[in-house]
Structures are given as C-alpha cells and as structure tokens.
Amino acid sequence: MDLIKELWVFLRVRKKLWLAPIIIVLLILGGLLVLAQGSVVAPFIYTLF
C-alpha cells in the first residue's frame, strides 16, 4: 500500500496527474491477462494485443 501512496504523491508533486488513468488502465489489463491465463477466454484476449 505504501507503493501506491508514494506513486500518488509523486504524480501530484510533479504535476503528472495525467499519467494516473494510463497507469490504472495498464494495471487493469495486466490483472485481466493474469486472471484469464488459464481460462477459455485467453485466446480471445491475446488476439486484442
């Protein structure tokens, strides 16, 4: 949890808040790929990338 706090403080102090949505989307896509790795949906997800 400290990593998330430090990242947020970094983005806020350096005025890089526009990066926050990009980071969130990348984390969601990464989590989706990890969760769907062994499922039937995996081939369809991999075709998107």
N, C-alpha and C. Protein backbone atom coordinates (compact mmCIF):
# COMPACT_ATOMS: atom_id res chain seq x y z
N MET A 1 0.82 -1.19 0.00
CA MET A 1 0.00 0.00 0.00
C MET A 1 0.86 1.26 0.00
N ASP A 2 2.05 1.18 0.57
CA ASP A 2 2.95 2.33 0.58
C ASP A 2 3.39 2.71 -0.83
N LEU A 3 3.54 1.72 -1.69
CA LEU A 3 3.95 1.99 -3.06
C LEU A 3 2.90 2.84 -3.77
N ILE A 4 1.64 2.54 -3.54
CA ILE A 4 0.57 3.31 -4.17
C ILE A 4 0.56 4.74 -3.64
N LYS A 5 0.75 4.89 -2.33
CA LYS A 5 0.80 6.23 -1.74
C LYS A 5 1.97 7.04 -2.32
N GLU A 6 3.13 6.42 -2.39
CA GLU A 6 4.30 7.11 -2.92
C GLU A 6 4.11 7.49 -4.39
N LEU A 7 3.52 6.59 -5.16
CA LEU A 7 3.25 6.88 -6.57
C LEU A 7 2.29 8.05 -6.70
N TRP A 8 1.24 8.08 -5.88
CA TRP A 8 0.27 9.17 -5.94
C TRP A 8 0.92 10.50 -5.56
N VAL A 9 1.74 10.49 -4.50
CA VAL A 9 2.43 11.72 -4.08
C VAL A 9 3.38 12.19 -5.18
N PHE A 10 4.09 11.26 -5.79
CA PHE A 10 5.00 11.61 -6.89
C PHE A 10 4.24 12.26 -8.04
N LEU A 11 3.12 11.65 -8.43
CA LEU A 11 2.35 12.19 -9.54
C LEU A 11 1.78 13.57 -9.20
N ARG A 12 1.36 13.76 -7.96
CA ARG A 12 0.77 15.03 -7.55
C ARG A 12 1.82 16.14 -7.46
N VAL A 13 2.97 15.82 -6.87
CA VAL A 13 4.02 16.82 -6.69
C VAL A 13 4.62 17.23 -8.03
N ARG A 14 4.84 16.28 -8.90
CA ARG A 14 5.47 16.56 -10.20
C ARG A 14 4.48 17.01 -11.26
N LYS A 15 3.21 17.18 -10.87
CA LYS A 15 2.15 17.63 -11.79
C LYS A 15 1.98 16.67 -12.96
N LYS A 16 2.05 15.39 -12.67
CA LYS A 16 1.89 14.37 -13.71
C LYS A 16 0.60 13.57 -13.50
N LEU A 17 -0.46 14.24 -13.06
CA LEU A 17 -1.71 13.54 -12.79
C LEU A 17 -2.34 12.95 -14.04
N TRP A 18 -1.95 13.43 -15.21
CA TRP A 18 -2.48 12.87 -16.45
C TRP A 18 -2.00 11.43 -16.65
N LEU A 19 -0.95 11.01 -15.94
CA LEU A 19 -0.47 9.64 -16.05
C LEU A 19 -1.32 8.65 -15.26
N ALA A 20 -2.07 9.13 -14.28
CA ALA A 20 -2.85 8.24 -13.41
C ALA A 20 -3.82 7.36 -14.19
N PRO A 21 -4.64 7.88 -15.11
CA PRO A 21 -5.55 6.99 -15.86
C PRO A 21 -4.81 5.95 -16.69
N ILE A 22 -3.67 6.32 -17.24
CA ILE A 22 -2.90 5.37 -18.04
C ILE A 22 -2.39 4.23 -17.17
N ILE A 23 -1.89 4.55 -15.99
CA ILE A 23 -1.39 3.54 -15.08
C ILE A 23 -2.52 2.63 -14.62
N ILE A 24 -3.68 3.20 -14.33
CA ILE A 24 -4.82 2.40 -13.88
C ILE A 24 -5.27 1.43 -14.96
N VAL A 25 -5.36 1.90 -16.20
CA VAL A 25 -5.77 1.04 -17.31
C VAL A 25 -4.75 -0.09 -17.53
N LEU A 26 -3.47 0.22 -17.45
CA LEU A 26 -2.44 -0.81 -17.61
C LEU A 26 -2.52 -1.86 -16.51
N LEU A 27 -2.78 -1.42 -15.27
CA LEU A 27 -2.93 -2.37 -14.17
C LEU A 27 -4.16 -3.27 -14.36
N ILE A 28 -5.26 -2.70 -14.82
CA ILE A 28 -6.46 -3.50 -15.06
C ILE A 28 -6.23 -4.52 -16.17
N LEU A 29 -5.60 -4.09 -17.26
CA LEU A 29 -5.32 -5.02 -18.36
C LEU A 29 -4.35 -6.12 -17.93
N GLY A 30 -3.34 -5.75 -17.14
CA GLY A 30 -2.40 -6.75 -16.64
C GLY A 30 -3.09 -7.76 -15.73
N GLY A 31 -3.96 -7.26 -14.86
CA GLY A 31 -4.71 -8.17 -13.98
C GLY A 31 -5.63 -9.08 -14.78
N LEU A 32 -6.26 -8.53 -15.81
CA LEU A 32 -7.13 -9.34 -16.67
C LEU A 32 -6.35 -10.45 -17.36
N LEU A 33 -5.16 -10.14 -17.85
CA LEU A 33 -4.34 -11.16 -18.50
C LEU A 33 -3.89 -12.24 -17.53
N VAL A 34 -3.55 -11.85 -16.31
CA VAL A 34 -3.12 -12.83 -15.31
C VAL A 34 -4.28 -13.72 -14.91
N LEU A 35 -5.46 -13.14 -14.70
CA LEU A 35 -6.61 -13.93 -14.28
C LEU A 35 -7.13 -14.84 -15.38
N ALA A 36 -7.03 -14.41 -16.62
CA ALA A 36 -7.57 -15.19 -17.74
C ALA A 36 -6.54 -16.11 -18.37
N GLN A 37 -5.39 -16.24 -17.76
CA GLN A 37 -4.31 -17.01 -18.38
C GLN A 37 -4.69 -18.48 -18.60
N GLY A 38 -5.37 -19.08 -17.65
CA GLY A 38 -5.69 -20.50 -17.80
C GLY A 38 -7.13 -20.75 -18.21
N SER A 39 -7.84 -19.72 -18.61
CA SER A 39 -9.25 -19.92 -18.92
C SER A 39 -9.47 -20.07 -20.42
N VAL A 40 -10.72 -20.28 -20.77
CA VAL A 40 -11.11 -20.45 -22.17
C VAL A 40 -11.06 -19.11 -22.91
N VAL A 41 -11.16 -18.02 -22.16
CA VAL A 41 -11.20 -16.69 -22.76
C VAL A 41 -9.82 -16.22 -23.21
N ALA A 42 -8.77 -16.87 -22.75
CA ALA A 42 -7.39 -16.42 -23.01
C ALA A 42 -7.08 -16.20 -24.49
N PRO A 43 -7.44 -17.10 -25.40
CA PRO A 43 -7.10 -16.85 -26.80
C PRO A 43 -7.76 -15.59 -27.37
N PHE A 44 -8.95 -15.27 -26.89
CA PHE A 44 -9.64 -14.07 -27.37
C PHE A 44 -8.99 -12.80 -26.82
N ILE A 45 -8.51 -12.86 -25.60
CA ILE A 45 -7.85 -11.70 -25.01
C ILE A 45 -6.51 -11.46 -25.69
N TYR A 46 -5.78 -12.51 -25.96
CA TYR A 46 -4.47 -12.36 -26.59
C TYR A 46 -4.57 -11.83 -28.02
N THR A 47 -5.69 -12.07 -28.69
CA THR A 47 -5.84 -11.53 -30.03
C THR A 47 -6.00 -10.02 -30.03
N LEU A 48 -6.40 -9.45 -28.90
CA LEU A 48 -6.51 -7.99 -28.80
C LEU A 48 -5.15 -7.33 -28.78
N PHE A 49 -4.15 -8.04 -28.33
CA PHE A 49 -2.82 -7.46 -28.20
C PHE A 49 -1.94 -7.98 -29.28
